[in-house]
Amino acid sequence: MAIAAGTYTLGPDLATLTVKTGKTGAASKAGHNLVIEVTAWTASLTVGAEPADTAIELTADSRSLRVVEGSGGMGALGDDDKASIEQSIDDEVLEGTRIAFRSTAVGAGDGPGRLHVAGDLELHGAHHPIAFELVAGEDGTLTGSAVVRQSDWGMKPYSTLFGTLKVVDEVEVLVSATLRH
């Protein structure tokens, strides 16, 4: 593992936590694929001498998601459009519920500098297991992504225009960090 043993605290000052969404449905050409940044979150990474001695915990404020980019669609997303999407996420999708992750097992991943992480994700009031890989760079960077199927956590993917424009059930959650003690 390329990460020195110790405890690291991560948050928006040294890292990004991003959600990417896609679109589907008969009116999908009108919608946007979104890049949404989580602006209030904290994570603790405790690295042991062996990968199995490593633990990760993360909490995020579900009301802190901010749309940073929208691609596709019939036109550019303006500030009012972004604010409307953020309000819909707060009111209709996440409903202000807690977001938390706690690792249950960390092991060597597929290749040097990779960690396989398994744990419990609390989302929308439900707990379910999830697994993903993190890549630790020699330069102190840490990156990874996980696919979250909203319906697995009892969430109905957002839809509009009488269901002809929908957010795809699977969203991708990405983290990119620079580790410092």
C-alpha atoms as a PDB file:
ATOM      1  CA  MET A   1       0.000   0.000   0.000  1.00  0.00           C
ATOM      2  CA  ALA A   2       1.333   3.446  -0.889  1.00  0.00           C
ATOM      3  CA  ILE A   3      -0.281   5.158   2.120  1.00  0.00           C
ATOM      4  CA  ALA A   4       1.798   5.609   5.264  1.00  0.00           C
ATOM      5  CA  ALA A   5       0.277   4.214   8.460  1.00  0.00           C
ATOM      6  CA  GLY A   6      -1.618   6.777  10.489  1.00  0.00           C
ATOM      7  CA  THR A   7      -4.917   8.598  10.654  1.00  0.00           C
ATOM      8  CA  TYR A   8      -6.052  10.980   7.953  1.00  0.00           C
ATOM      9  CA  THR A   9      -9.024  13.342   8.049  1.00  0.00           C
ATOM     10  CA  LEU A  10     -10.639  14.212   4.743  1.00  0.00           C
ATOM     11  CA  GLY A  11     -13.215  16.783   3.766  1.00  0.00           C
ATOM     12  CA  PRO A  12     -13.924  19.400   1.114  1.00  0.00           C
ATOM     13  CA  ASP A  13     -10.719  21.319   1.898  1.00  0.00           C
ATOM     14  CA  LEU A  14      -8.426  18.475   0.683  1.00  0.00           C
ATOM     15  CA  ALA A  15     -10.780  16.295  -1.330  1.00  0.00           C
ATOM     16  CA  THR A  16     -13.830  16.159  -3.546  1.00  0.00           C
ATOM     17  CA  LEU A  17     -16.835  13.906  -3.138  1.00  0.00           C
ATOM     18  CA  THR A  18     -18.849  13.913  -6.339  1.00  0.00           C
ATOM     19  CA  VAL A  19     -22.012  12.243  -7.634  1.00  0.00           C
ATOM     20  CA  LYS A  20     -22.570  11.687 -11.363  1.00  0.00           C
ATOM     21  CA  THR A  21     -26.043  10.993 -12.708  1.00  0.00           C
ATOM     22  CA  GLY A  22     -27.365   9.926 -16.087  1.00  0.00           C
ATOM     23  CA  LYS A  23     -30.775  10.254 -17.710  1.00  0.00           C
ATOM     24  CA  THR A  24     -33.234   7.990 -19.450  1.00  0.00           C
ATOM     25  CA  GLY A  25     -36.764   8.012 -20.832  1.00  0.00           C
ATOM     26  CA  ALA A  26     -38.552   9.233 -23.934  1.00  0.00           C
ATOM     27  CA  ALA A  27     -37.708  12.866 -23.117  1.00  0.00           C
ATOM     28  CA  SER A  28     -34.108  12.197 -22.060  1.00  0.00           C
ATOM     29  CA  LYS A  29     -32.764  14.518 -24.765  1.00  0.00           C
ATOM     30  CA  ALA A  30     -34.240  17.401 -22.784  1.00  0.00           C
ATOM     31  CA  GLY A  31     -32.467  16.460 -19.541  1.00  0.00           C
ATOM     32  CA  HIS A  32     -28.883  16.732 -18.383  1.00  0.00           C
ATOM     33  CA  ASN A  33     -26.278  14.307 -17.112  1.00  0.00           C
ATOM     34  CA  LEU A  34     -25.263  15.935 -13.854  1.00  0.00           C
ATOM     35  CA  VAL A  35     -22.083  16.326 -11.857  1.00  0.00           C
ATOM     36  CA  ILE A  36     -23.003  17.115  -8.261  1.00  0.00           C
ATOM     37  CA  GLU A  37     -20.500  18.003  -5.553  1.00  0.00           C
ATOM     38  CA  VAL A  38     -21.059  17.192  -1.889  1.00  0.00           C
ATOM     39  CA  THR A  39     -19.913  20.358  -0.121  1.00  0.00           C
ATOM     40  CA  ALA A  40     -20.238  19.326   3.550  1.00  0.00           C
ATOM     41  CA  TRP A  41     -18.698  15.995   4.534  1.00  0.00           C
ATOM     42  CA  THR A  42     -15.946  14.479   6.610  1.00  0.00           C
ATOM     43  CA  ALA A  43     -14.106  11.184   6.471  1.00  0.00           C
ATOM     44  CA  SER A  44     -11.580   9.442   8.656  1.00  0.00           C
ATOM     45  CA  LEU A  45      -9.079   7.010   7.182  1.00  0.00           C
ATOM     46  CA  THR A  46      -7.079   5.002   9.694  1.00  0.00           C
ATOM     47  CA  VAL A  47      -4.309   3.085   7.931  1.00  0.00           C
ATOM     48  CA  GLY A  48      -2.643   0.155   9.648  1.00  0.00           C
ATOM     49  CA  ALA A  49       0.510  -1.740   8.768  1.00  0.00           C
ATOM     50  CA  GLU A  50      -1.595  -4.233   6.771  1.00  0.00           C
ATOM     51  CA  PRO A  51      -4.651  -3.446   4.628  1.00  0.00           C
ATOM     52  CA  ALA A  52      -6.844  -5.483   7.008  1.00  0.00           C
ATOM     53  CA  ASP A  53      -5.895  -3.037   9.784  1.00  0.00           C
ATOM     54  CA  THR A  54      -7.366  -0.130   7.817  1.00  0.00           C
ATOM     55  CA  ALA A  55     -10.741   1.492   8.546  1.00  0.00           C
ATOM     56  CA  ILE A  56     -12.781   4.185   6.817  1.00  0.00           C
ATOM     57  CA  GLU A  57     -15.718   6.237   8.094  1.00  0.00           C
ATOM     58  CA  LEU A  58     -17.556   8.985   6.244  1.00  0.00           C
ATOM     59  CA  THR A  59     -20.548  11.197   6.953  1.00  0.00           C
ATOM     60  CA  ALA A  60     -22.091  13.676   4.529  1.00  0.00           C
ATOM     61  CA  ASP A  61     -24.781  16.327   4.789  1.00  0.00           C
ATOM     62  CA  SER A  62     -27.419  15.320   2.234  1.00  0.00           C
ATOM     63  CA  ARG A  63     -28.530  18.943   1.967  1.00  0.00           C
ATOM     64  CA  SER A  64     -25.080  20.054   0.791  1.00  0.00           C
ATOM     65  CA  LEU A  65     -25.238  18.664  -2.750  1.00  0.00           C
ATOM     66  CA  ARG A  66     -24.521  21.349  -5.355  1.00  0.00           C
ATOM     67  CA  VAL A  67     -24.838  20.949  -9.117  1.00  0.00           C
ATOM     68  CA  VAL A  68     -21.525  21.937 -10.709  1.00  0.00           C
ATOM     69  CA  GLU A  69     -22.105  20.744 -14.260  1.00  0.00           C
ATOM     70  CA  GLY A  70     -24.809  19.533 -16.611  1.00  0.00           C
ATOM     71  CA  SER A  71     -24.067  17.992 -19.991  1.00  0.00           C
ATOM     72  CA  GLY A  72     -26.427  17.018 -22.773  1.00  0.00           C
ATOM     73  CA  GLY A  73     -29.879  18.488 -22.678  1.00  0.00           C
ATOM     74  CA  MET A  74     -31.528  21.064 -24.867  1.00  0.00           C
ATOM     75  CA  GLY A  75     -29.650  24.009 -23.373  1.00  0.00           C
ATOM     76  CA  ALA A  76     -27.142  25.064 -20.768  1.00  0.00           C
ATOM     77  CA  LEU A  77     -28.053  24.818 -17.088  1.00  0.00           C
ATOM     78  CA  GLY A  78     -28.425  28.250 -15.539  1.00  0.00           C
ATOM     79  CA  ASP A  79     -28.133  29.142 -11.880  1.00  0.00           C
ATOM     80  CA  ASP A  80     -31.932  28.941 -11.460  1.00  0.00           C
ATOM     81  CA  ASP A  81     -31.950  25.457 -13.038  1.00  0.00           C
ATOM     82  CA  LYS A  82     -29.187  24.297 -10.703  1.00  0.00           C
ATOM     83  CA  ALA A  83     -30.996  25.707  -7.670  1.00  0.00           C
ATOM     84  CA  SER A  84     -34.206  23.949  -8.728  1.00  0.00           C
ATOM     85  CA  ILE A  85     -32.387  20.610  -9.109  1.00  0.00           C
ATOM     86  CA  GLU A  86     -30.738  21.036  -5.705  1.00  0.00           C
ATOM     87  CA  GLN A  87     -34.139  21.785  -4.139  1.00  0.00           C
ATOM     88  CA  SER A  88     -35.615  18.654  -5.764  1.00  0.00           C
ATOM     89  CA  ILE A  89     -32.747  16.558  -4.380  1.00  0.00           C
ATOM     90  CA  ASP A  90     -33.425  17.972  -0.903  1.00  0.00           C
ATOM     91  CA  ASP A  91     -37.220  17.706  -1.008  1.00  0.00           C
ATOM     92  CA  GLU A  92     -37.935  14.660  -3.167  1.00  0.00           C
ATOM     93  CA  VAL A  93     -34.872  12.424  -3.394  1.00  0.00           C
ATOM     94  CA  LEU A  94     -32.707  12.457  -0.260  1.00  0.00           C
ATOM     95  CA  GLU A  95     -35.222  14.287   1.937  1.00  0.00           C
ATOM     96  CA  GLY A  96     -32.498  15.529   4.277  1.00  0.00           C
ATOM     97  CA  THR A  97     -31.657  12.022   5.473  1.00  0.00           C
ATOM     98  CA  ARG A  98     -28.309  10.963   6.901  1.00  0.00           C
ATOM     99  CA  ILE A  99     -25.535   9.697   4.626  1.00  0.00           C
ATOM    100  CA  ALA A 100     -22.869   7.600   6.341  1.00  0.00           C
ATOM    101  CA  PHE A 101     -20.375   4.891   5.427  1.00  0.00           C
ATOM    102  CA  ARG A 102     -18.375   2.617   7.714  1.00  0.00           C
ATOM    103  CA  SER A 103     -15.960   0.019   6.391  1.00  0.00           C
ATOM    104  CA  THR A 104     -16.329  -3.548   7.603  1.00  0.00           C
ATOM    105  CA  ALA A 105     -13.317  -5.004   5.745  1.00  0.00           C
ATOM    106  CA  VAL A 106     -10.379  -3.571   3.848  1.00  0.00           C
ATOM    107  CA  GLY A 107      -8.014  -5.776   1.880  1.00  0.00           C
ATOM    108  CA  ALA A 108      -5.504  -5.653  -0.904  1.00  0.00           C
ATOM    109  CA  GLY A 109      -7.117  -4.793  -4.217  1.00  0.00           C
ATOM    110  CA  ASP A 110      -6.300  -5.831  -7.763  1.00  0.00           C
ATOM    111  CA  GLY A 111      -2.846  -4.354  -8.209  1.00  0.00           C
ATOM    112  CA  PRO A 112      -0.285  -2.212  -6.435  1.00  0.00           C
ATOM    113  CA  GLY A 113      -1.646   0.698  -4.415  1.00  0.00           C
ATOM    114  CA  ARG A 114      -5.201  -0.646  -4.605  1.00  0.00           C
ATOM    115  CA  LEU A 115      -7.472  -1.355  -1.684  1.00  0.00           C
ATOM    116  CA  HIS A 116     -10.713  -3.328  -1.811  1.00  0.00           C
ATOM    117  CA  VAL A 117     -13.147  -1.738   0.638  1.00  0.00           C
ATOM    118  CA  ALA A 118     -16.379  -3.341   1.849  1.00  0.00           C
ATOM    119  CA  GLY A 119     -18.741  -1.673   4.254  1.00  0.00           C
ATOM    120  CA  ASP A 120     -22.169  -0.453   5.231  1.00  0.00           C
ATOM    121  CA  LEU A 121     -23.745   2.568   3.530  1.00  0.00           C
ATOM    122  CA  GLU A 122     -26.599   4.352   5.259  1.00  0.00           C
ATOM    123  CA  LEU A 123     -28.648   6.279   2.729  1.00  0.00           C
ATOM    124  CA  HIS A 124     -32.256   7.468   2.831  1.00  0.00           C
ATOM    125  CA  GLY A 125     -32.783   5.695   6.157  1.00  0.00           C
ATOM    126  CA  ALA A 126     -31.668   2.278   4.886  1.00  0.00           C
ATOM    127  CA  HIS A 127     -28.443   0.320   5.482  1.00  0.00           C
ATOM    128  CA  HIS A 128     -26.955  -1.922   2.807  1.00  0.00           C
ATOM    129  CA  PRO A 129     -23.518  -3.363   2.050  1.00  0.00           C
ATOM    130  CA  ILE A 130     -21.410  -1.818  -0.679  1.00  0.00           C
ATOM    131  CA  ALA A 131     -17.920  -2.533  -2.003  1.00  0.00           C
ATOM    132  CA  PHE A 132     -15.486  -0.521  -4.107  1.00  0.00           C
ATOM    133  CA  GLU A 133     -11.781  -0.030  -4.804  1.00  0.00           C
ATOM    134  CA  LEU A 134      -9.536   2.850  -3.804  1.00  0.00           C
ATOM    135  CA  VAL A 135      -6.295   3.652  -5.577  1.00  0.00           C
ATOM    136  CA  ALA A 136      -3.481   5.164  -3.519  1.00  0.00           C
ATOM    137  CA  GLY A 137      -0.860   7.023  -5.501  1.00  0.00           C
ATOM    138  CA  GLU A 138       2.781   7.365  -4.495  1.00  0.00           C
ATOM    139  CA  ASP A 139       2.197  11.139  -4.430  1.00  0.00           C
ATOM    140  CA  GLY A 140      -0.359  10.934  -1.585  1.00  0.00           C
ATOM    141  CA  THR A 141      -3.440  10.936  -3.763  1.00  0.00           C
ATOM    142  CA  LEU A 142      -6.385   8.663  -3.115  1.00  0.00           C
ATOM    143  CA  THR A 143      -9.114   8.082  -5.695  1.00  0.00           C
ATOM    144  CA  GLY A 144     -12.029   5.731  -6.019  1.00  0.00           C
ATOM    145  CA  SER A 145     -15.588   5.304  -7.138  1.00  0.00           C
ATOM    146  CA  ALA A 146     -18.651   3.258  -6.319  1.00  0.00           C
ATOM    147  CA  VAL A 147     -21.920   2.708  -8.130  1.00  0.00           C
ATOM    148  CA  VAL A 148     -25.004   3.173  -5.981  1.00  0.00           C
ATOM    149  CA  ARG A 149     -28.349   1.853  -7.199  1.00  0.00           C
ATOM    150  CA  GLN A 150     -30.831   4.229  -5.594  1.00  0.00           C
ATOM    151  CA  SER A 151     -33.659   1.686  -5.513  1.00  0.00           C
ATOM    152  CA  ASP A 152     -31.526  -0.620  -3.337  1.00  0.00           C
ATOM    153  CA  TRP A 153     -31.884   1.986  -0.592  1.00  0.00           C
ATOM    154  CA  GLY A 154     -35.622   2.464  -1.145  1.00  0.00           C
ATOM    155  CA  MET A 155     -35.192   5.614  -3.193  1.00  0.00           C
ATOM    156  CA  LYS A 156     -37.251   6.274  -6.280  1.00  0.00           C
ATOM    157  CA  PRO A 157     -35.021   7.899  -8.914  1.00  0.00           C
ATOM    158  CA  TYR A 158     -36.238  11.395  -9.716  1.00  0.00           C
ATOM    159  CA  SER A 159     -38.540  11.734 -12.723  1.00  0.00           C
ATOM    160  CA  THR A 160     -40.412  14.592 -14.359  1.00  0.00           C
ATOM    161  CA  LEU A 161     -42.534  15.283 -17.411  1.00  0.00           C
ATOM    162  CA  PHE A 162     -44.963  12.522 -16.411  1.00  0.00           C
ATOM    163  CA  GLY A 163     -42.130  10.018 -16.129  1.00  0.00           C
ATOM    164  CA  THR A 164     -40.742  10.605 -19.616  1.00  0.00           C
ATOM    165  CA  LEU A 165     -37.504  12.076 -18.190  1.00  0.00           C
ATOM    166  CA  LYS A 166     -35.855  10.098 -15.394  1.00  0.00           C
ATOM    167  CA  VAL A 167     -32.569   9.955 -13.550  1.00  0.00           C
ATOM    168  CA  VAL A 168     -30.935   6.567 -14.134  1.00  0.00           C
ATOM    169  CA  ASP A 169     -31.204   4.330 -11.049  1.00  0.00           C
ATOM    170  CA  GLU A 170     -27.416   3.830 -10.858  1.00  0.00           C
ATOM    171  CA  VAL A 171     -25.384   6.886  -9.854  1.00  0.00           C
ATOM    172  CA  GLU A 172     -21.610   6.988  -9.562  1.00  0.00           C
ATOM    173  CA  VAL A 173     -19.993   8.368  -6.413  1.00  0.00           C
ATOM    174  CA  LEU A 174     -16.364   9.457  -6.752  1.00  0.00           C
ATOM    175  CA  VAL A 175     -13.758  10.573  -4.256  1.00  0.00           C
ATOM    176  CA  SER A 176     -10.468  12.260  -5.029  1.00  0.00           C
ATOM    177  CA  ALA A 177      -8.199  13.305  -2.176  1.00  0.00           C
ATOM    178  CA  THR A 178      -4.715  14.378  -1.219  1.00  0.00           C
ATOM    179  CA  LEU A 179      -3.706  12.713   2.036  1.00  0.00           C
ATOM    180  CA  ARG A 180      -2.061  14.700   4.813  1.00  0.00           C
ATOM    181  CA  HIS A 181      -1.752  13.770   8.483  1.00  0.00           C
END
